[in-house]
Amino acid sequence: MSKLAITALIITASVPSFRRAGTTFTDAGQAFPDGYFTDEQLAAIRAEKKLSVREMPADAIPEGIDATLVTAALTAAAAEEKTQAKKTASQTEPTKSTGTKATGKASTTNDTGASA
């Protein structure tokens, strides 16, 4: 698997639990993949004095931070990369020709000779 570069936003509340932009943040901190929030939501989060926002590479998230969403984003990105690689490989591989064989058997029908 190749290294995927995903930027994470680490958001930590200065109180045990705080809600903004439709999301609950805690003082333990949570990592969100870049693009998780709309521009408007991110502006509201950054403007909130009770929230701290740090940006860092996904592979540099400190211990103790909930990285569930970033892990899911990395898994999805890896799956997409693998799918694209398969599509590319299948487009460049020569196709194998499979002919049809004649069985040599004639189709037969039974006529019962019944008439109306």
C-alpha atoms as a PDB file:
ATOM      1  CA  MET A   1       0.000   0.000   0.000  1.00  0.00           C
ATOM      2  CA  SER A   2       1.406   3.394  -0.893  1.00  0.00           C
ATOM      3  CA  LYS A   3       1.554   6.199   1.614  1.00  0.00           C
ATOM      4  CA  LEU A   4      -1.448   8.437   1.261  1.00  0.00           C
ATOM      5  CA  ALA A   5      -1.045  12.059   2.276  1.00  0.00           C
ATOM      6  CA  ILE A   6      -4.091  13.132   4.228  1.00  0.00           C
ATOM      7  CA  THR A   7      -4.064  16.241   6.349  1.00  0.00           C
ATOM      8  CA  ALA A   8      -5.862  15.992   9.673  1.00  0.00           C
ATOM      9  CA  LEU A   9      -7.443  18.699  11.753  1.00  0.00           C
ATOM     10  CA  ILE A  10      -7.006  18.084  15.462  1.00  0.00           C
ATOM     11  CA  ILE A  11      -9.771  19.891  17.334  1.00  0.00           C
ATOM     12  CA  THR A  12      -9.741  20.083  21.106  1.00  0.00           C
ATOM     13  CA  ALA A  13     -12.233  21.791  23.413  1.00  0.00           C
ATOM     14  CA  SER A  14     -11.092  23.750  26.463  1.00  0.00           C
ATOM     15  CA  VAL A  15     -14.052  22.299  28.385  1.00  0.00           C
ATOM     16  CA  PRO A  16     -15.085  18.624  28.783  1.00  0.00           C
ATOM     17  CA  SER A  17     -17.665  18.839  25.981  1.00  0.00           C
ATOM     18  CA  PHE A  18     -18.544  21.610  23.558  1.00  0.00           C
ATOM     19  CA  ARG A  19     -20.775  21.675  20.498  1.00  0.00           C
ATOM     20  CA  ARG A  20     -20.193  23.752  17.358  1.00  0.00           C
ATOM     21  CA  ALA A  21     -20.974  23.265  13.651  1.00  0.00           C
ATOM     22  CA  GLY A  22     -23.176  20.259  14.405  1.00  0.00           C
ATOM     23  CA  THR A  23     -20.349  18.336  16.082  1.00  0.00           C
ATOM     24  CA  THR A  24     -19.509  17.655  19.720  1.00  0.00           C
ATOM     25  CA  PHE A  25     -15.870  18.281  20.625  1.00  0.00           C
ATOM     26  CA  THR A  26     -14.161  17.093  23.801  1.00  0.00           C
ATOM     27  CA  ASP A  27     -11.135  18.082  25.813  1.00  0.00           C
ATOM     28  CA  ALA A  28      -9.491  14.776  24.769  1.00  0.00           C
ATOM     29  CA  GLY A  29      -9.379  15.969  21.154  1.00  0.00           C
ATOM     30  CA  GLN A  30     -10.511  14.431  17.910  1.00  0.00           C
ATOM     31  CA  ALA A  31      -8.908  14.199  14.476  1.00  0.00           C
ATOM     32  CA  PHE A  32     -10.948  15.040  11.388  1.00  0.00           C
ATOM     33  CA  PRO A  33      -9.840  14.515   7.790  1.00  0.00           C
ATOM     34  CA  ASP A  34      -9.320  17.662   5.749  1.00  0.00           C
ATOM     35  CA  GLY A  35     -12.557  18.442   3.922  1.00  0.00           C
ATOM     36  CA  TYR A  36     -14.778  16.965   6.647  1.00  0.00           C
ATOM     37  CA  PHE A  37     -16.273  20.381   7.468  1.00  0.00           C
ATOM     38  CA  THR A  38     -17.691  22.954   5.072  1.00  0.00           C
ATOM     39  CA  ASP A  39     -15.861  26.265   4.806  1.00  0.00           C
ATOM     40  CA  GLU A  40     -18.597  27.917   6.897  1.00  0.00           C
ATOM     41  CA  GLN A  41     -18.401  25.265   9.629  1.00  0.00           C
ATOM     42  CA  LEU A  42     -14.623  25.456   9.743  1.00  0.00           C
ATOM     43  CA  ALA A  43     -14.748  29.250  10.015  1.00  0.00           C
ATOM     44  CA  ALA A  44     -17.140  28.951  12.984  1.00  0.00           C
ATOM     45  CA  ILE A  45     -14.906  26.343  14.636  1.00  0.00           C
ATOM     46  CA  ARG A  46     -11.759  28.429  14.142  1.00  0.00           C
ATOM     47  CA  ALA A  47     -13.516  31.538  15.484  1.00  0.00           C
ATOM     48  CA  GLU A  48     -14.663  29.747  18.657  1.00  0.00           C
ATOM     49  CA  LYS A  49     -12.408  30.592  21.615  1.00  0.00           C
ATOM     50  CA  LYS A  50     -13.277  27.322  23.404  1.00  0.00           C
ATOM     51  CA  LEU A  51     -11.864  25.262  20.532  1.00  0.00           C
ATOM     52  CA  SER A  52      -8.278  24.735  19.453  1.00  0.00           C
ATOM     53  CA  VAL A  53      -7.564  23.689  15.844  1.00  0.00           C
ATOM     54  CA  ARG A  54      -4.238  22.247  14.693  1.00  0.00           C
ATOM     55  CA  GLU A  55      -3.374  20.934  11.232  1.00  0.00           C
ATOM     56  CA  MET A  56      -0.962  18.043  10.769  1.00  0.00           C
ATOM     57  CA  PRO A  57      -0.285  15.019   8.585  1.00  0.00           C
ATOM     58  CA  ALA A  58      -2.500  12.043   9.417  1.00  0.00           C
ATOM     59  CA  ASP A  59       0.527   9.929  10.326  1.00  0.00           C
ATOM     60  CA  ALA A  60       1.584  12.475  12.986  1.00  0.00           C
ATOM     61  CA  ILE A  61      -1.587  12.398  15.130  1.00  0.00           C
ATOM     62  CA  PRO A  62      -0.549  12.227  18.800  1.00  0.00           C
ATOM     63  CA  GLU A  63      -1.474   9.302  21.052  1.00  0.00           C
ATOM     64  CA  GLY A  64      -4.785   9.709  22.868  1.00  0.00           C
ATOM     65  CA  ILE A  65      -6.490  11.636  20.062  1.00  0.00           C
ATOM     66  CA  ASP A  66      -9.558   9.930  18.580  1.00  0.00           C
ATOM     67  CA  ALA A  67      -8.482   9.302  14.987  1.00  0.00           C
ATOM     68  CA  THR A  68     -11.427   7.111  13.941  1.00  0.00           C
ATOM     69  CA  LEU A  69     -12.604   9.443  11.170  1.00  0.00           C
ATOM     70  CA  VAL A  70      -9.101   9.918   9.758  1.00  0.00           C
ATOM     71  CA  THR A  71      -8.506   6.159   9.792  1.00  0.00           C
ATOM     72  CA  ALA A  72     -11.778   5.664   7.892  1.00  0.00           C
ATOM     73  CA  ALA A  73     -10.742   8.311   5.349  1.00  0.00           C
ATOM     74  CA  LEU A  74      -7.349   6.622   4.880  1.00  0.00           C
ATOM     75  CA  THR A  75      -9.019   3.236   4.418  1.00  0.00           C
ATOM     76  CA  ALA A  76     -11.452   4.658   1.857  1.00  0.00           C
ATOM     77  CA  ALA A  77      -8.636   6.434   0.000  1.00  0.00           C
ATOM     78  CA  ALA A  78      -6.554   3.236  -0.067  1.00  0.00           C
ATOM     79  CA  ALA A  79      -9.519   1.249  -1.394  1.00  0.00           C
ATOM     80  CA  GLU A  80     -10.127   3.868  -4.088  1.00  0.00           C
ATOM     81  CA  GLU A  81      -6.436   3.831  -5.033  1.00  0.00           C
ATOM     82  CA  LYS A  82      -6.514   0.022  -5.292  1.00  0.00           C
ATOM     83  CA  THR A  83      -9.666   0.141  -7.439  1.00  0.00           C
ATOM     84  CA  GLN A  84      -8.084   2.700  -9.758  1.00  0.00           C
ATOM     85  CA  ALA A  85      -4.925   0.583 -10.026  1.00  0.00           C
ATOM     86  CA  LYS A  86      -7.016  -2.462 -10.992  1.00  0.00           C
ATOM     87  CA  LYS A  87      -8.921  -0.445 -13.603  1.00  0.00           C
ATOM     88  CA  THR A  88      -5.689   0.850 -15.076  1.00  0.00           C
ATOM     89  CA  ALA A  89      -4.148  -2.635 -15.122  1.00  0.00           C
ATOM     90  CA  SER A  90      -7.208  -4.175 -16.756  1.00  0.00           C
ATOM     91  CA  GLN A  91      -7.177  -1.507 -19.455  1.00  0.00           C
ATOM     92  CA  THR A  92      -3.551  -2.219 -20.353  1.00  0.00           C
ATOM     93  CA  GLU A  93      -3.671  -6.037 -20.175  1.00  0.00           C
ATOM     94  CA  PRO A  94      -4.352  -7.891 -23.416  1.00  0.00           C
ATOM     95  CA  THR A  95      -7.704  -9.583 -23.474  1.00  0.00           C
ATOM     96  CA  LYS A  96      -7.890 -13.340 -23.764  1.00  0.00           C
ATOM     97  CA  SER A  97     -10.021 -14.527 -26.643  1.00  0.00           C
ATOM     98  CA  THR A  98     -12.402 -17.325 -25.853  1.00  0.00           C
ATOM     99  CA  GLY A  99     -13.958 -18.985 -28.856  1.00  0.00           C
ATOM    100  CA  THR A 100     -17.109 -21.050 -28.872  1.00  0.00           C
ATOM    101  CA  LYS A 101     -16.962 -24.732 -29.593  1.00  0.00           C
ATOM    102  CA  ALA A 102     -19.574 -26.550 -31.586  1.00  0.00           C
ATOM    103  CA  THR A 103     -20.946 -29.511 -29.670  1.00  0.00           C
ATOM    104  CA  GLY A 104     -21.865 -31.475 -32.753  1.00  0.00           C
ATOM    105  CA  LYS A 105     -25.252 -32.306 -31.300  1.00  0.00           C
ATOM    106  CA  ALA A 106     -28.376 -31.370 -33.150  1.00  0.00           C
ATOM    107  CA  SER A 107     -31.320 -30.079 -31.259  1.00  0.00           C
ATOM    108  CA  THR A 108     -34.210 -32.482 -31.371  1.00  0.00           C
ATOM    109  CA  THR A 109     -37.851 -31.984 -30.588  1.00  0.00           C
ATOM    110  CA  ASN A 110     -40.347 -34.698 -29.998  1.00  0.00           C
ATOM    111  CA  ASP A 111     -43.525 -34.449 -32.019  1.00  0.00           C
ATOM    112  CA  THR A 112     -46.286 -36.270 -30.265  1.00  0.00           C
ATOM    113  CA  GLY A 113     -48.460 -36.149 -33.322  1.00  0.00           C
ATOM    114  CA  ALA A 114     -51.383 -34.898 -31.314  1.00  0.00           C
ATOM    115  CA  SER A 115     -53.821 -32.853 -33.325  1.00  0.00           C
ATOM    116  CA  ALA A 116     -56.599 -30.541 -32.371  1.00  0.00           C
END
